[in-house]
Amino acid sequence: MQIGLGGLVFIVFLYLKLHGDIDWSWIWVTSPLWIAGALTVLTLIGLAVVAVRADAKADKGRQALRSELNRRHARTPRYEGRWR
């Protein structure tokens, strides 16, 4: 198990807080932990928004293609009798 940069910074902040070297609120001492989680959540939300927009754009393209094919099909002459 490895400690990342956020974990290392948290350990340093914790050490400094417990030894009285800094007079920060506990929310800021633990900030390296929750900021990393918040960034992860924001990244996932951003990716979801991009995926939804891409799907909507692809759906518009499918609709345009379907409309064009229907328009072309309407102009195609149809057989209305027997072949001679």
N, C-alpha and C. Protein backbone atom coordinates (compact mmCIF):
# COMPACT_ATOMS: atom_id res chain seq x y z
N MET A 1 0.84 -1.17 0.00
CA MET A 1 0.00 0.00 0.00
C MET A 1 0.89 1.24 0.00
N GLN A 2 0.57 2.16 -0.88
CA GLN A 2 1.36 3.38 -0.98
C GLN A 2 0.54 4.58 -0.51
N ILE A 3 1.24 5.55 0.02
CA ILE A 3 0.60 6.81 0.41
C ILE A 3 0.86 7.80 -0.70
N GLY A 4 -0.20 8.38 -1.22
CA GLY A 4 -0.05 9.36 -2.29
C GLY A 4 0.35 10.71 -1.73
N LEU A 5 0.40 11.68 -2.62
CA LEU A 5 0.79 13.03 -2.23
C LEU A 5 -0.19 13.61 -1.21
N GLY A 6 -1.48 13.41 -1.44
CA GLY A 6 -2.48 13.90 -0.50
C GLY A 6 -2.35 13.29 0.88
N GLY A 7 -2.09 11.99 0.93
CA GLY A 7 -1.89 11.32 2.22
C GLY A 7 -0.66 11.82 2.94
N LEU A 8 0.40 12.05 2.18
CA LEU A 8 1.63 12.57 2.79
C LEU A 8 1.43 13.98 3.35
N VAL A 9 0.77 14.83 2.58
CA VAL A 9 0.50 16.19 3.05
C VAL A 9 -0.39 16.14 4.29
N PHE A 10 -1.39 15.25 4.30
CA PHE A 10 -2.25 15.11 5.47
C PHE A 10 -1.44 14.71 6.70
N ILE A 11 -0.54 13.77 6.54
CA ILE A 11 0.28 13.32 7.68
C ILE A 11 1.14 14.48 8.21
N VAL A 12 1.69 15.27 7.29
CA VAL A 12 2.49 16.43 7.71
C VAL A 12 1.60 17.42 8.46
N PHE A 13 0.43 17.73 7.91
CA PHE A 13 -0.49 18.66 8.57
C PHE A 13 -0.92 18.13 9.93
N LEU A 14 -1.18 16.84 10.02
CA LEU A 14 -1.59 16.23 11.28
C LEU A 14 -0.48 16.34 12.32
N TYR A 15 0.72 16.04 11.92
CA TYR A 15 1.88 16.15 12.82
C TYR A 15 2.01 17.58 13.33
N LEU A 16 1.93 18.53 12.41
CA LEU A 16 2.07 19.94 12.80
C LEU A 16 0.94 20.38 13.73
N LYS A 17 -0.27 19.91 13.47
CA LYS A 17 -1.41 20.27 14.31
C LYS A 17 -1.27 19.67 15.71
N LEU A 18 -0.90 18.40 15.79
CA LEU A 18 -0.80 17.73 17.09
C LEU A 18 0.35 18.28 17.93
N HIS A 19 1.39 18.79 17.28
CA HIS A 19 2.52 19.35 18.01
C HIS A 19 2.37 20.85 18.27
N GLY A 20 1.25 21.43 17.85
CA GLY A 20 0.98 22.83 18.12
C GLY A 20 1.73 23.81 17.25
N ASP A 21 2.33 23.34 16.17
CA ASP A 21 3.07 24.23 15.29
C ASP A 21 2.15 25.07 14.40
N ILE A 22 0.94 24.57 14.13
CA ILE A 22 -0.05 25.32 13.35
C ILE A 22 -1.33 25.39 14.16
N ASP A 23 -2.06 26.46 13.99
CA ASP A 23 -3.31 26.65 14.71
C ASP A 23 -4.48 26.68 13.72
N TRP A 24 -4.52 25.69 12.86
CA TRP A 24 -5.56 25.63 11.83
C TRP A 24 -6.76 24.86 12.36
N SER A 25 -7.88 25.08 11.70
CA SER A 25 -9.07 24.29 11.97
C SER A 25 -8.83 22.86 11.45
N TRP A 26 -9.51 21.90 12.08
CA TRP A 26 -9.35 20.52 11.65
C TRP A 26 -9.83 20.31 10.21
N ILE A 27 -10.76 21.15 9.77
CA ILE A 27 -11.23 21.01 8.39
C ILE A 27 -10.08 21.23 7.41
N TRP A 28 -9.16 22.15 7.74
CA TRP A 28 -8.03 22.41 6.85
C TRP A 28 -6.92 21.39 7.04
N VAL A 29 -6.81 20.84 8.20
CA VAL A 29 -5.82 19.78 8.42
C VAL A 29 -6.18 18.55 7.59
N THR A 30 -7.49 18.25 7.51
CA THR A 30 -7.93 17.07 6.74
C THR A 30 -8.21 17.41 5.27
N SER A 31 -8.01 18.65 4.88
CA SER A 31 -8.33 19.06 3.51
C SER A 31 -7.63 18.25 2.41
N PRO A 32 -6.39 17.79 2.59
CA PRO A 32 -5.81 16.99 1.51
C PRO A 32 -6.61 15.71 1.22
N LEU A 33 -7.33 15.21 2.21
CA LEU A 33 -8.13 14.00 2.01
C LEU A 33 -9.43 14.32 1.28
N TRP A 34 -10.17 15.32 1.75
CA TRP A 34 -11.47 15.57 1.14
C TRP A 34 -11.37 16.35 -0.15
N ILE A 35 -10.31 17.12 -0.34
CA ILE A 35 -10.15 17.82 -1.63
C ILE A 35 -9.91 16.81 -2.75
N ALA A 36 -9.13 15.79 -2.49
CA ALA A 36 -8.90 14.74 -3.50
C ALA A 36 -10.20 14.04 -3.85
N GLY A 37 -11.01 13.74 -2.84
CA GLY A 37 -12.31 13.12 -3.10
C GLY A 37 -13.24 14.03 -3.88
N ALA A 38 -13.23 15.32 -3.52
CA ALA A 38 -14.08 16.28 -4.23
C ALA A 38 -13.66 16.42 -5.69
N LEU A 39 -12.36 16.44 -5.93
CA LEU A 39 -11.88 16.53 -7.32
C LEU A 39 -12.27 15.29 -8.12
N THR A 40 -12.24 14.14 -7.47
CA THR A 40 -12.66 12.91 -8.15
C THR A 40 -14.14 12.98 -8.52
N VAL A 41 -14.96 13.42 -7.58
CA VAL A 41 -16.41 13.52 -7.84
C VAL A 41 -16.67 14.53 -8.94
N LEU A 42 -16.01 15.69 -8.91
CA LEU A 42 -16.20 16.69 -9.95
C LEU A 42 -15.75 16.19 -11.32
N THR A 43 -14.68 15.42 -11.34
CA THR A 43 -14.22 14.84 -12.61
C THR A 43 -15.25 13.86 -13.16
N LEU A 44 -15.82 13.03 -12.30
CA LEU A 44 -16.83 12.08 -12.75
C LEU A 44 -18.09 12.79 -13.25
N ILE A 45 -18.48 13.86 -12.57
CA ILE A 45 -19.64 14.64 -13.03
C ILE A 45 -19.34 15.27 -14.39
N GLY A 46 -18.15 15.81 -14.55
CA GLY A 46 -17.76 16.39 -15.83
C GLY A 46 -17.77 15.36 -16.95
N LEU A 47 -17.27 14.18 -16.69
CA LEU A 47 -17.28 13.12 -17.70
C LEU A 47 -18.71 12.71 -18.05
N ALA A 48 -19.59 12.67 -17.06
CA ALA A 48 -20.99 12.32 -17.31
C ALA A 48 -21.66 13.38 -18.19
N VAL A 49 -21.37 14.65 -17.94
CA VAL A 49 -21.93 15.73 -18.75
C VAL A 49 -21.44 15.61 -20.19
N VAL A 50 -20.17 15.35 -20.37
CA VAL A 50 -19.61 15.20 -21.72
C VAL A 50 -20.26 14.02 -22.43
N ALA A 51 -20.46 12.92 -21.72
CA ALA A 51 -21.08 11.74 -22.33
C ALA A 51 -22.52 12.02 -22.74
N VAL A 52 -23.26 12.73 -21.90
CA VAL A 52 -24.65 13.05 -22.22
C VAL A 52 -24.72 13.97 -23.43
N ARG A 53 -23.84 14.97 -23.47
CA ARG A 53 -23.83 15.88 -24.63
C ARG A 53 -23.44 15.15 -25.91
N ALA A 54 -22.48 14.26 -25.82
CA ALA A 54 -22.06 13.50 -27.00
C ALA A 54 -23.20 12.61 -27.49
N ASP A 55 -23.93 12.02 -26.56
CA ASP A 55 -25.06 11.17 -26.94
C ASP A 55 -26.15 12.00 -27.58
N ALA A 56 -26.41 13.19 -27.05
CA ALA A 56 -27.44 14.06 -27.62
C ALA A 56 -27.04 14.49 -29.04
N LYS A 57 -25.75 14.79 -29.23
CA LYS A 57 -25.26 15.19 -30.55
C LYS A 57 -25.38 14.02 -31.53
N ALA A 58 -25.03 12.83 -31.07
CA ALA A 58 -25.15 11.64 -31.93
C ALA A 58 -26.60 11.38 -32.27
N ASP A 59 -27.51 11.61 -31.31
CA ASP A 59 -28.93 11.40 -31.55
C ASP A 59 -29.44 12.39 -32.61
N LYS A 60 -28.97 13.63 -32.57
CA LYS A 60 -29.34 14.60 -33.60
C LYS A 60 -28.86 14.14 -34.97
N GLY A 61 -27.66 13.59 -35.01
CA GLY A 61 -27.13 13.09 -36.27
C GLY A 61 -27.95 11.92 -36.80
N ARG A 62 -28.35 11.03 -35.91
CA ARG A 62 -29.20 9.90 -36.33
C ARG A 62 -30.54 10.39 -36.85
N GLN A 63 -31.12 11.40 -36.18
CA GLN A 63 -32.39 11.94 -36.62
C GLN A 63 -32.26 12.60 -37.98
N ALA A 64 -31.18 13.33 -38.20
CA ALA A 64 -30.96 13.99 -39.49
C ALA A 64 -30.79 12.95 -40.59
N LEU A 65 -30.06 11.89 -40.31
CA LEU A 65 -29.88 10.82 -41.30
C LEU A 65 -31.21 10.14 -41.62
N ARG A 66 -31.98 9.86 -40.58
CA ARG A 66 -33.29 9.23 -40.78
C ARG A 66 -34.19 10.13 -41.61
N SER A 67 -34.18 11.42 -41.33
CA SER A 67 -34.99 12.37 -42.08
C SER A 67 -34.57 12.42 -43.54
N GLU A 68 -33.26 12.45 -43.79
CA GLU A 68 -32.76 12.47 -45.16
C GLU A 68 -33.13 11.19 -45.91
N LEU A 69 -33.02 10.06 -45.25
CA LEU A 69 -33.39 8.80 -45.91
C LEU A 69 -34.88 8.76 -46.21
N ASN A 70 -35.69 9.26 -45.29
CA ASN A 70 -37.14 9.30 -45.54
C ASN A 70 -37.47 10.24 -46.69
N ARG A 71 -36.77 11.37 -46.77
CA ARG A 71 -37.00 12.31 -47.86
C ARG A 71 -36.62 11.69 -49.21
N ARG A 72 -35.49 10.98 -49.25
CA ARG A 72 -35.08 10.34 -50.49
C ARG A 72 -36.02 9.20 -50.87
N HIS A 73 -36.49 8.48 -49.88
CA HIS A 73 -37.40 7.37 -50.15
C HIS A 73 -38.72 7.89 -50.71
N ALA A 74 -39.17 9.06 -50.26
CA ALA A 74 -40.43 9.63 -50.73
C ALA A 74 -40.35 10.01 -52.21
N ARG A 75 -39.15 10.34 -52.72
CA ARG A 75 -38.97 10.73 -54.12
C ARG A 75 -38.77 9.53 -55.03
N THR A 76 -38.56 8.35 -54.48
CA THR A 76 -38.30 7.17 -55.29
C THR A 76 -39.60 6.71 -55.95
N PRO A 77 -39.59 6.54 -57.27
CA PRO A 77 -40.82 6.06 -57.93
C PRO A 77 -41.17 4.66 -57.46
N ARG A 78 -42.44 4.43 -57.31
CA ARG A 78 -42.91 3.14 -56.81
C ARG A 78 -43.59 2.36 -57.93
N TYR A 79 -43.52 1.09 -57.87
CA TYR A 79 -44.18 0.21 -58.82
C TYR A 79 -45.64 0.12 -58.45
N GLU A 80 -46.54 0.43 -59.37
CA GLU A 80 -47.95 0.42 -59.06
C GLU A 80 -48.73 -0.46 -60.03
N GLY A 81 -48.18 -1.50 -60.45
CA GLY A 81 -48.89 -2.39 -61.36
C GLY A 81 -48.06 -3.63 -61.60
N ARG A 82 -48.41 -4.31 -62.68
CA ARG A 82 -47.65 -5.52 -63.00
C ARG A 82 -46.47 -5.17 -63.87
N TRP A 83 -45.44 -5.98 -63.75
CA TRP A 83 -44.31 -5.84 -64.64
C TRP A 83 -44.69 -6.39 -65.99
N ARG A 84 -44.25 -5.80 -67.03
CA ARG A 84 -44.62 -6.28 -68.36
C ARG A 84 -43.54 -7.08 -68.96
